[in-house]
Amino acid sequence: MENRFEAIYEINEPLADEDAILATYIEDTDIRERYTNFVADLRGKQQVLYPTRDFVRILRLYTKGFTILRALEIAMASRNGNVWDGIAQLYEAHFGGM
């Protein structure tokens, strides 16, 4: 599939004001802070590709009644299978089983 494109760019930094986006989906400041820290560690320490598109997709799933962990599984597990256990452990470290 890659040979059909002139160039492929991996963008692993926010393309929008993610704090403002987060505030529109989650009112609880504790959960917002935990999610922000989780995403920062995911992008920084774990070096997992986590574009703004996934950021918003997880929030949308969360507002539809999914837990954040389940939303992460739906949005990320299939393409991050090799590091999924690390993502789940990082989630546990930030959310402590919420």
PDB file of N, CA and C in Angstrom:
ATOM      1  N   MET A   1       0.816  -1.189   0.000  1.00  0.00           N
ATOM      2  CA  MET A   1       0.000   0.000   0.000  1.00  0.00           C
ATOM      3  C   MET A   1       0.866   1.263   0.000  1.00  0.00           C
ATOM      4  N   GLU A   2       1.992   1.218   0.680  1.00  0.00           N
ATOM      5  CA  GLU A   2       2.837   2.400   0.779  1.00  0.00           C
ATOM      6  C   GLU A   2       3.355   2.883  -0.568  1.00  0.00           C
ATOM      7  N   ASN A   3       3.538   1.989  -1.523  1.00  0.00           N
ATOM      8  CA  ASN A   3       4.080   2.414  -2.807  1.00  0.00           C
ATOM      9  C   ASN A   3       3.092   3.252  -3.627  1.00  0.00           C
ATOM     10  N   ARG A   4       1.873   3.420  -3.162  1.00  0.00           N
ATOM     11  CA  ARG A   4       0.881   4.234  -3.866  1.00  0.00           C
ATOM     12  C   ARG A   4       0.980   5.723  -3.514  1.00  0.00           C
ATOM     13  N   PHE A   5       1.810   6.048  -2.541  1.00  0.00           N
ATOM     14  CA  PHE A   5       1.912   7.421  -2.081  1.00  0.00           C
ATOM     15  C   PHE A   5       3.297   7.982  -2.374  1.00  0.00           C
ATOM     16  N   GLU A   6       3.357   9.261  -2.658  1.00  0.00           N
ATOM     17  CA  GLU A   6       4.638   9.937  -2.885  1.00  0.00           C
ATOM     18  C   GLU A   6       5.464   9.969  -1.606  1.00  0.00           C
ATOM     19  N   ALA A   7       4.803  10.258  -0.496  1.00  0.00           N
ATOM     20  CA  ALA A   7       5.493  10.354   0.785  1.00  0.00           C
ATOM     21  C   ALA A   7       4.519   9.992   1.894  1.00  0.00           C
ATOM     22  N   ILE A   8       5.056   9.457   2.949  1.00  0.00           N
ATOM     23  CA  ILE A   8       4.261   9.134   4.124  1.00  0.00           C
ATOM     24  C   ILE A   8       4.919   9.824   5.307  1.00  0.00           C
ATOM     25  N   TYR A   9       4.133  10.607   6.019  1.00  0.00           N
ATOM     26  CA  TYR A   9       4.650  11.338   7.170  1.00  0.00           C
ATOM     27  C   TYR A   9       3.991  10.804   8.433  1.00  0.00           C
ATOM     28  N   GLU A  10       4.802  10.546   9.432  1.00  0.00           N
ATOM     29  CA  GLU A  10       4.279  10.184  10.739  1.00  0.00           C
ATOM     30  C   GLU A  10       4.333  11.425  11.604  1.00  0.00           C
ATOM     31  N   ILE A  11       3.173  11.867  12.034  1.00  0.00           N
ATOM     32  CA  ILE A  11       3.080  13.061  12.872  1.00  0.00           C
ATOM     33  C   ILE A  11       2.680  12.596  14.261  1.00  0.00           C
ATOM     34  N   ASN A  12       3.546  12.808  15.215  1.00  0.00           N
ATOM     35  CA  ASN A  12       3.281  12.367  16.572  1.00  0.00           C
ATOM     36  C   ASN A  12       3.277  13.553  17.531  1.00  0.00           C
ATOM     37  N   GLU A  13       2.686  14.608  17.088  1.00  0.00           N
ATOM     38  CA  GLU A  13       2.516  15.766  17.945  1.00  0.00           C
ATOM     39  C   GLU A  13       1.123  16.321  17.666  1.00  0.00           C
ATOM     40  N   PRO A  14       0.563  17.007  18.628  1.00  0.00           N
ATOM     41  CA  PRO A  14      -0.796  17.512  18.451  1.00  0.00           C
ATOM     42  C   PRO A  14      -0.917  18.458  17.262  1.00  0.00           C
ATOM     43  N   LEU A  15      -1.999  18.290  16.526  1.00  0.00           N
ATOM     44  CA  LEU A  15      -2.291  19.182  15.409  1.00  0.00           C
ATOM     45  C   LEU A  15      -3.364  20.198  15.781  1.00  0.00           C
ATOM     46  N   ALA A  16      -3.856  20.077  17.001  1.00  0.00           N
ATOM     47  CA  ALA A  16      -4.894  20.977  17.485  1.00  0.00           C
ATOM     48  C   ALA A  16      -4.670  21.183  18.979  1.00  0.00           C
ATOM     49  N   ASP A  17      -5.426  22.062  19.560  1.00  0.00           N
ATOM     50  CA  ASP A  17      -5.332  22.314  20.999  1.00  0.00           C
ATOM     51  C   ASP A  17      -6.022  21.163  21.735  1.00  0.00           C
ATOM     52  N   GLU A  18      -5.246  20.156  22.088  1.00  0.00           N
ATOM     53  CA  GLU A  18      -5.821  18.957  22.699  1.00  0.00           C
ATOM     54  C   GLU A  18      -6.409  19.230  24.074  1.00  0.00           C
ATOM     55  N   ASP A  19      -5.887  20.212  24.801  1.00  0.00           N
ATOM     56  CA  ASP A  19      -6.474  20.554  26.099  1.00  0.00           C
ATOM     57  C   ASP A  19      -7.891  21.083  25.927  1.00  0.00           C
ATOM     58  N   ALA A  20      -8.103  21.901  24.916  1.00  0.00           N
ATOM     59  CA  ALA A  20      -9.444  22.433  24.645  1.00  0.00           C
ATOM     60  C   ALA A  20     -10.378  21.324  24.180  1.00  0.00           C
ATOM     61  N   ILE A  21      -9.872  20.443  23.351  1.00  0.00           N
ATOM     62  CA  ILE A  21     -10.674  19.305  22.892  1.00  0.00           C
ATOM     63  C   ILE A  21     -11.064  18.433  24.072  1.00  0.00           C
ATOM     64  N   LEU A  22     -10.101  18.140  24.915  1.00  0.00           N
ATOM     65  CA  LEU A  22     -10.346  17.300  26.089  1.00  0.00           C
ATOM     66  C   LEU A  22     -11.416  17.901  26.984  1.00  0.00           C
ATOM     67  N   ALA A  23     -11.369  19.206  27.180  1.00  0.00           N
ATOM     68  CA  ALA A  23     -12.350  19.879  28.034  1.00  0.00           C
ATOM     69  C   ALA A  23     -13.764  19.797  27.478  1.00  0.00           C
ATOM     70  N   THR A  24     -13.900  19.661  26.151  1.00  0.00           N
ATOM     71  CA  THR A  24     -15.247  19.550  25.580  1.00  0.00           C
ATOM     72  C   THR A  24     -15.842  18.158  25.784  1.00  0.00           C
ATOM     73  N   TYR A  25     -14.999  17.161  26.018  1.00  0.00           N
ATOM     74  CA  TYR A  25     -15.471  15.790  26.189  1.00  0.00           C
ATOM     75  C   TYR A  25     -15.551  15.345  27.643  1.00  0.00           C
ATOM     76  N   ILE A  26     -14.661  15.845  28.479  1.00  0.00           N
ATOM     77  CA  ILE A  26     -14.595  15.373  29.865  1.00  0.00           C
ATOM     78  C   ILE A  26     -14.608  16.569  30.810  1.00  0.00           C
ATOM     79  N   GLU A  27     -15.592  16.592  31.699  1.00  0.00           N
ATOM     80  CA  GLU A  27     -15.691  17.686  32.662  1.00  0.00           C
ATOM     81  C   GLU A  27     -14.788  17.467  33.870  1.00  0.00           C
ATOM     82  N   ASP A  28     -14.619  16.230  34.292  1.00  0.00           N
ATOM     83  CA  ASP A  28     -13.846  15.901  35.490  1.00  0.00           C
ATOM     84  C   ASP A  28     -12.374  16.267  35.290  1.00  0.00           C
ATOM     85  N   THR A  29     -11.899  17.246  36.062  1.00  0.00           N
ATOM     86  CA  THR A  29     -10.525  17.712  35.894  1.00  0.00           C
ATOM     87  C   THR A  29      -9.499  16.646  36.267  1.00  0.00           C
ATOM     88  N   ASP A  30      -9.823  15.775  37.206  1.00  0.00           N
ATOM     89  CA  ASP A  30      -8.899  14.702  37.581  1.00  0.00           C
ATOM     90  C   ASP A  30      -8.688  13.740  36.411  1.00  0.00           C
ATOM     91  N   ILE A  31      -9.762  13.339  35.765  1.00  0.00           N
ATOM     92  CA  ILE A  31      -9.652  12.435  34.618  1.00  0.00           C
ATOM     93  C   ILE A  31      -8.931  13.137  33.471  1.00  0.00           C
ATOM     94  N   ARG A  32      -9.229  14.415  33.255  1.00  0.00           N
ATOM     95  CA  ARG A  32      -8.526  15.159  32.193  1.00  0.00           C
ATOM     96  C   ARG A  32      -7.031  15.211  32.451  1.00  0.00           C
ATOM     97  N   GLU A  33      -6.633  15.459  33.681  1.00  0.00           N
ATOM     98  CA  GLU A  33      -5.208  15.521  34.010  1.00  0.00           C
ATOM     99  C   GLU A  33      -4.547  14.153  33.839  1.00  0.00           C
ATOM    100  N   ARG A  34      -5.219  13.113  34.285  1.00  0.00           N
ATOM    101  CA  ARG A  34      -4.680  11.756  34.130  1.00  0.00           C
ATOM    102  C   ARG A  34      -4.509  11.406  32.648  1.00  0.00           C
ATOM    103  N   TYR A  35      -5.528  11.743  31.850  1.00  0.00           N
ATOM    104  CA  TYR A  35      -5.467  11.434  30.424  1.00  0.00           C
ATOM    105  C   TYR A  35      -4.346  12.221  29.737  1.00  0.00           C
ATOM    106  N   THR A  36      -4.208  13.500  30.090  1.00  0.00           N
ATOM    107  CA  THR A  36      -3.142  14.324  29.523  1.00  0.00           C
ATOM    108  C   THR A  36      -1.772  13.741  29.858  1.00  0.00           C
ATOM    109  N   ASN A  37      -1.570  13.349  31.110  1.00  0.00           N
ATOM    110  CA  ASN A  37      -0.296  12.763  31.526  1.00  0.00           C
ATOM    111  C   ASN A  37      -0.054  11.414  30.856  1.00  0.00           C
ATOM    112  N   PHE A  38      -1.111  10.620  30.719  1.00  0.00           N
ATOM    113  CA  PHE A  38      -1.011   9.326  30.040  1.00  0.00           C
ATOM    114  C   PHE A  38      -0.555   9.521  28.593  1.00  0.00           C
ATOM    115  N   VAL A  39      -1.182  10.452  27.898  1.00  0.00           N
ATOM    116  CA  VAL A  39      -0.840  10.711  26.502  1.00  0.00           C
ATOM    117  C   VAL A  39       0.599  11.216  26.385  1.00  0.00           C
ATOM    118  N   ALA A  40       1.008  12.101  27.283  1.00  0.00           N
ATOM    119  CA  ALA A  40       2.384  12.617  27.258  1.00  0.00           C
ATOM    120  C   ALA A  40       3.390  11.486  27.443  1.00  0.00           C
ATOM    121  N   ASP A  41       3.118  10.583  28.378  1.00  0.00           N
ATOM    122  CA  ASP A  41       4.016   9.444  28.590  1.00  0.00           C
ATOM    123  C   ASP A  41       3.985   8.478  27.417  1.00  0.00           C
ATOM    124  N   LEU A  42       2.807   8.290  26.850  1.00  0.00           N
ATOM    125  CA  LEU A  42       2.677   7.392  25.704  1.00  0.00           C
ATOM    126  C   LEU A  42       3.520   7.902  24.542  1.00  0.00           C
ATOM    127  N   ARG A  43       3.419   9.177  24.274  1.00  0.00           N
ATOM    128  CA  ARG A  43       4.176   9.774  23.171  1.00  0.00           C
ATOM    129  C   ARG A  43       5.658   9.908  23.505  1.00  0.00           C
ATOM    130  N   GLY A  44       5.966  10.240  24.753  1.00  0.00           N
ATOM    131  CA  GLY A  44       7.344  10.504  25.143  1.00  0.00           C
ATOM    132  C   GLY A  44       8.107   9.255  25.539  1.00  0.00           C
ATOM    133  N   LYS A  45       7.779   8.711  26.689  1.00  0.00           N
ATOM    134  CA  LYS A  45       8.518   7.569  27.232  1.00  0.00           C
ATOM    135  C   LYS A  45       8.347   6.316  26.381  1.00  0.00           C
ATOM    136  N   GLN A  46       7.125   6.052  25.941  1.00  0.00           N
ATOM    137  CA  GLN A  46       6.846   4.824  25.189  1.00  0.00           C
ATOM    138  C   GLN A  46       7.069   4.990  23.695  1.00  0.00           C
ATOM    139  N   GLN A  47       7.112   6.211  23.229  1.00  0.00           N
ATOM    140  CA  GLN A  47       7.306   6.533  21.813  1.00  0.00           C
ATOM    141  C   GLN A  47       6.288   5.825  20.909  1.00  0.00           C
ATOM    142  N   VAL A  48       5.043   5.835  21.351  1.00  0.00           N
ATOM    143  CA  VAL A  48       3.953   5.246  20.586  1.00  0.00           C
ATOM    144  C   VAL A  48       3.324   6.341  19.733  1.00  0.00           C
ATOM    145  N   LEU A  49       3.083   6.032  18.476  1.00  0.00           N
ATOM    146  CA  LEU A  49       2.415   6.972  17.589  1.00  0.00           C
ATOM    147  C   LEU A  49       0.977   7.161  18.080  1.00  0.00           C
ATOM    148  N   TYR A  50       0.647   8.368  18.478  1.00  0.00           N
ATOM    149  CA  TYR A  50      -0.672   8.658  19.045  1.00  0.00           C
ATOM    150  C   TYR A  50      -1.127  10.018  18.502  1.00  0.00           C
ATOM    151  N   PRO A  51      -1.639  10.018  17.286  1.00  0.00           N
ATOM    152  CA  PRO A  51      -2.048  11.289  16.669  1.00  0.00           C
ATOM    153  C   PRO A  51      -3.312  11.867  17.303  1.00  0.00           C
ATOM    154  N   THR A  52      -3.552  13.111  17.023  1.00  0.00           N
ATOM    155  CA  THR A  52      -4.740  13.793  17.539  1.00  0.00           C
ATOM    156  C   THR A  52      -6.009  13.047  17.138  1.00  0.00           C
ATOM    157  N   ARG A  53      -6.010  12.444  15.972  1.00  0.00           N
ATOM    158  CA  ARG A  53      -7.178  11.664  15.520  1.00  0.00           C
ATOM    159  C   ARG A  53      -7.528  10.580  16.534  1.00  0.00           C
ATOM    160  N   ASP A  54      -6.522   9.836  17.015  1.00  0.00           N
ATOM    161  CA  ASP A  54      -6.767   8.802  18.022  1.00  0.00           C
ATOM    162  C   ASP A  54      -7.174   9.419  19.357  1.00  0.00           C
ATOM    163  N   PHE A  55      -6.566  10.536  19.694  1.00  0.00           N
ATOM    164  CA  PHE A  55      -6.895  11.267  20.916  1.00  0.00           C
ATOM    165  C   PHE A  55      -8.397  11.544  20.958  1.00  0.00           C
ATOM    166  N   VAL A  56      -8.922  12.065  19.863  1.00  0.00           N
ATOM    167  CA  VAL A  56     -10.348  12.407  19.781  1.00  0.00           C
ATOM    168  C   VAL A  56     -11.205  11.142  19.711  1.00  0.00           C
ATOM    169  N   ARG A  57     -10.763  10.159  18.974  1.00  0.00           N
ATOM    170  CA  ARG A  57     -11.543   8.916  18.834  1.00  0.00           C
ATOM    171  C   ARG A  57     -11.767   8.257  20.197  1.00  0.00           C
ATOM    172  N   ILE A  58     -10.744   8.218  21.028  1.00  0.00           N
ATOM    173  CA  ILE A  58     -10.877   7.617  22.353  1.00  0.00           C
ATOM    174  C   ILE A  58     -11.854   8.429  23.201  1.00  0.00           C
ATOM    175  N   LEU A  59     -11.762   9.743  23.114  1.00  0.00           N
ATOM    176  CA  LEU A  59     -12.694  10.585  23.872  1.00  0.00           C
ATOM    177  C   LEU A  59     -14.135  10.379  23.424  1.00  0.00           C
ATOM    178  N   ARG A  60     -14.349  10.251  22.136  1.00  0.00           N
ATOM    179  CA  ARG A  60     -15.707  10.003  21.627  1.00  0.00           C
ATOM    180  C   ARG A  60     -16.247   8.674  22.141  1.00  0.00           C
ATOM    181  N   LEU A  61     -15.418   7.650  22.119  1.00  0.00           N
ATOM    182  CA  LEU A  61     -15.844   6.346  22.637  1.00  0.00           C
ATOM    183  C   LEU A  61     -16.139   6.429  24.133  1.00  0.00           C
ATOM    184  N   TYR A  62     -15.321   7.179  24.852  1.00  0.00           N
ATOM    185  CA  TYR A  62     -15.516   7.348  26.293  1.00  0.00           C
ATOM    186  C   TYR A  62     -16.870   7.999  26.574  1.00  0.00           C
ATOM    187  N   THR A  63     -17.222   9.026  25.802  1.00  0.00           N
ATOM    188  CA  THR A  63     -18.499   9.705  26.029  1.00  0.00           C
ATOM    189  C   THR A  63     -19.696   8.834  25.632  1.00  0.00           C
ATOM    190  N   LYS A  64     -19.440   7.765  24.870  1.00  0.00           N
ATOM    191  CA  LYS A  64     -20.513   6.835  24.505  1.00  0.00           C
ATOM    192  C   LYS A  64     -20.649   5.692  25.512  1.00  0.00           C
ATOM    193  N   GLY A  65     -19.865   5.751  26.604  1.00  0.00           N
ATOM    194  CA  GLY A  65     -20.020   4.767  27.662  1.00  0.00           C
ATOM    195  C   GLY A  65     -18.898   3.753  27.786  1.00  0.00           C
ATOM    196  N   PHE A  66     -17.935   3.794  26.904  1.00  0.00           N
ATOM    197  CA  PHE A  66     -16.797   2.881  27.011  1.00  0.00           C
ATOM    198  C   PHE A  66     -15.836   3.401  28.081  1.00  0.00           C
ATOM    199  N   THR A  67     -15.143   2.498  28.746  1.00  0.00           N
ATOM    200  CA  THR A  67     -14.073   2.942  29.626  1.00  0.00           C
ATOM    201  C   THR A  67     -12.930   3.432  28.751  1.00  0.00           C
ATOM    202  N   ILE A  68     -12.047   4.210  29.316  1.00  0.00           N
ATOM    203  CA  ILE A  68     -10.906   4.688  28.539  1.00  0.00           C
ATOM    204  C   ILE A  68     -10.054   3.509  28.085  1.00  0.00           C
ATOM    205  N   LEU A  69      -9.879   2.518  28.953  1.00  0.00           N
ATOM    206  CA  LEU A  69      -9.089   1.344  28.569  1.00  0.00           C
ATOM    207  C   LEU A  69      -9.716   0.618  27.391  1.00  0.00           C
ATOM    208  N   ARG A  70     -11.026   0.416  27.426  1.00  0.00           N
ATOM    209  CA  ARG A  70     -11.696  -0.273  26.313  1.00  0.00           C
ATOM    210  C   ARG A  70     -11.622   0.568  25.038  1.00  0.00           C
ATOM    211  N   ALA A  71     -11.763   1.884  25.170  1.00  0.00           N
ATOM    212  CA  ALA A  71     -11.640   2.759  24.007  1.00  0.00           C
ATOM    213  C   ALA A  71     -10.237   2.673  23.411  1.00  0.00           C
ATOM    214  N   LEU A  72      -9.225   2.608  24.271  1.00  0.00           N
ATOM    215  CA  LEU A  72      -7.851   2.434  23.795  1.00  0.00           C
ATOM    216  C   LEU A  72      -7.696   1.118  23.047  1.00  0.00           C
ATOM    217  N   GLU A  73      -8.279   0.060  23.583  1.00  0.00           N
ATOM    218  CA  GLU A  73      -8.203  -1.249  22.916  1.00  0.00           C
ATOM    219  C   GLU A  73      -8.820  -1.188  21.530  1.00  0.00           C
ATOM    220  N   ILE A  74      -9.996  -0.587  21.430  1.00  0.00           N
ATOM    221  CA  ILE A  74     -10.698  -0.497  20.152  1.00  0.00           C
ATOM    222  C   ILE A  74      -9.881   0.315  19.146  1.00  0.00           C
ATOM    223  N   ALA A  75      -9.340   1.438  19.591  1.00  0.00           N
ATOM    224  CA  ALA A  75      -8.661   2.354  18.680  1.00  0.00           C
ATOM    225  C   ALA A  75      -7.217   1.973  18.381  1.00  0.00           C
ATOM    226  N   MET A  76      -6.552   1.267  19.301  1.00  0.00           N
ATOM    227  CA  MET A  76      -5.109   1.122  19.162  1.00  0.00           C
ATOM    228  C   MET A  76      -4.564  -0.299  19.183  1.00  0.00           C
ATOM    229  N   ALA A  77      -5.242  -1.230  19.798  1.00  0.00           N
ATOM    230  CA  ALA A  77      -4.648  -2.554  20.022  1.00  0.00           C
ATOM    231  C   ALA A  77      -4.274  -3.266  18.732  1.00  0.00           C
ATOM    232  N   SER A  78      -5.099  -3.174  17.708  1.00  0.00           N
ATOM    233  CA  SER A  78      -4.827  -3.932  16.487  1.00  0.00           C
ATOM    234  C   SER A  78      -3.569  -3.465  15.768  1.00  0.00           C
ATOM    235  N   ARG A  79      -3.283  -2.171  15.796  1.00  0.00           N
ATOM    236  CA  ARG A  79      -2.091  -1.698  15.093  1.00  0.00           C
ATOM    237  C   ARG A  79      -0.881  -1.500  16.002  1.00  0.00           C
ATOM    238  N   ASN A  80      -1.080  -1.716  17.313  1.00  0.00           N
ATOM    239  CA  ASN A  80       0.017  -1.594  18.273  1.00  0.00           C
ATOM    240  C   ASN A  80       0.163  -2.869  19.090  1.00  0.00           C
ATOM    241  N   GLY A  81      -0.137  -3.991  18.470  1.00  0.00           N
ATOM    242  CA  GLY A  81      -0.105  -5.268  19.179  1.00  0.00           C
ATOM    243  C   GLY A  81       1.224  -5.584  19.820  1.00  0.00           C
ATOM    244  N   ASN A  82       2.306  -5.161  19.170  1.00  0.00           N
ATOM    245  CA  ASN A  82       3.624  -5.469  19.705  1.00  0.00           C
ATOM    246  C   ASN A  82       3.945  -4.688  20.977  1.00  0.00           C
ATOM    247  N   VAL A  83       3.247  -3.587  21.239  1.00  0.00           N
ATOM    248  CA  VAL A  83       3.483  -2.809  22.453  1.00  0.00           C
ATOM    249  C   VAL A  83       2.217  -2.644  23.301  1.00  0.00           C
ATOM    250  N   TRP A  84       1.179  -3.413  22.968  1.00  0.00           N
ATOM    251  CA  TRP A  84      -0.089  -3.238  23.678  1.00  0.00           C
ATOM    252  C   TRP A  84       0.047  -3.479  25.171  1.00  0.00           C
ATOM    253  N   ASP A  85       0.819  -4.467  25.588  1.00  0.00           N
ATOM    254  CA  ASP A  85       0.971  -4.733  27.019  1.00  0.00           C
ATOM    255  C   ASP A  85       1.570  -3.524  27.736  1.00  0.00           C
ATOM    256  N   GLY A  86       2.524  -2.866  27.106  1.00  0.00           N
ATOM    257  CA  GLY A  86       3.116  -1.663  27.683  1.00  0.00           C
ATOM    258  C   GLY A  86       2.115  -0.520  27.772  1.00  0.00           C
ATOM    259  N   ILE A  87       1.269  -0.391  26.762  1.00  0.00           N
ATOM    260  CA  ILE A  87       0.234   0.646  26.781  1.00  0.00           C
ATOM    261  C   ILE A  87      -0.742   0.380  27.926  1.00  0.00           C
ATOM    262  N   ALA A  88      -1.147  -0.874  28.086  1.00  0.00           N
ATOM    263  CA  ALA A  88      -2.073  -1.241  29.158  1.00  0.00           C
ATOM    264  C   ALA A  88      -1.442  -0.999  30.531  1.00  0.00           C
ATOM    265  N   GLN A  89      -0.172  -1.285  30.682  1.00  0.00           N
ATOM    266  CA  GLN A  89       0.518  -1.040  31.958  1.00  0.00           C
ATOM    267  C   GLN A  89       0.618   0.457  32.234  1.00  0.00           C
ATOM    268  N   LEU A  90       0.879   1.234  31.201  1.00  0.00           N
ATOM    269  CA  LEU A  90       0.936   2.682  31.365  1.00  0.00           C
ATOM    270  C   LEU A  90      -0.438   3.222  31.748  1.00  0.00           C
ATOM    271  N   TYR A  91      -1.477   2.701  31.133  1.00  0.00           N
ATOM    272  CA  TYR A  91      -2.842   3.084  31.500  1.00  0.00           C
ATOM    273  C   TYR A  91      -3.070   2.803  32.980  1.00  0.00           C
ATOM    274  N   GLU A  92      -2.712   1.620  33.425  1.00  0.00           N
ATOM    275  CA  GLU A  92      -2.892   1.227  34.822  1.00  0.00           C
ATOM    276  C   GLU A  92      -2.129   2.174  35.761  1.00  0.00           C
ATOM    277  N   ALA A  93      -0.934   2.554  35.368  1.00  0.00           N
ATOM    278  CA  ALA A  93      -0.133   3.474  36.193  1.00  0.00           C
ATOM    279  C   ALA A  93      -0.798   4.838  36.333  1.00  0.00           C
ATOM    280  N   HIS A  94      -1.470   5.290  35.301  1.00  0.00           N
ATOM    281  CA  HIS A  94      -2.097   6.624  35.347  1.00  0.00           C
ATOM    282  C   HIS A  94      -3.514   6.601  35.883  1.00  0.00           C
ATOM    283  N   PHE A  95      -4.238   5.533  35.617  1.00  0.00           N
ATOM    284  CA  PHE A  95      -5.648   5.506  36.000  1.00  0.00           C
ATOM    285  C   PHE A  95      -5.939   4.584  37.177  1.00  0.00           C
ATOM    286  N   GLY A  96      -5.006   3.711  37.514  1.00  0.00           N
ATOM    287  CA  GLY A  96      -5.159   2.861  38.692  1.00  0.00           C
ATOM    288  C   GLY A  96      -6.453   2.079  38.762  1.00  0.00           C
ATOM    289  N   GLY A  97      -6.900   1.564  37.625  1.00  0.00           N
ATOM    290  CA  GLY A  97      -8.098   0.734  37.610  1.00  0.00           C
ATOM    291  C   GLY A  97      -9.408   1.492  37.628  1.00  0.00           C
ATOM    292  N   MET A  98      -9.374   2.796  37.298  1.00  0.00           N
ATOM    293  CA  MET A  98     -10.612   3.586  37.284  1.00  0.00           C
ATOM    294  C   MET A  98     -11.643   2.972  36.360  1.00  0.00           C
TER     295      MET A  98
END
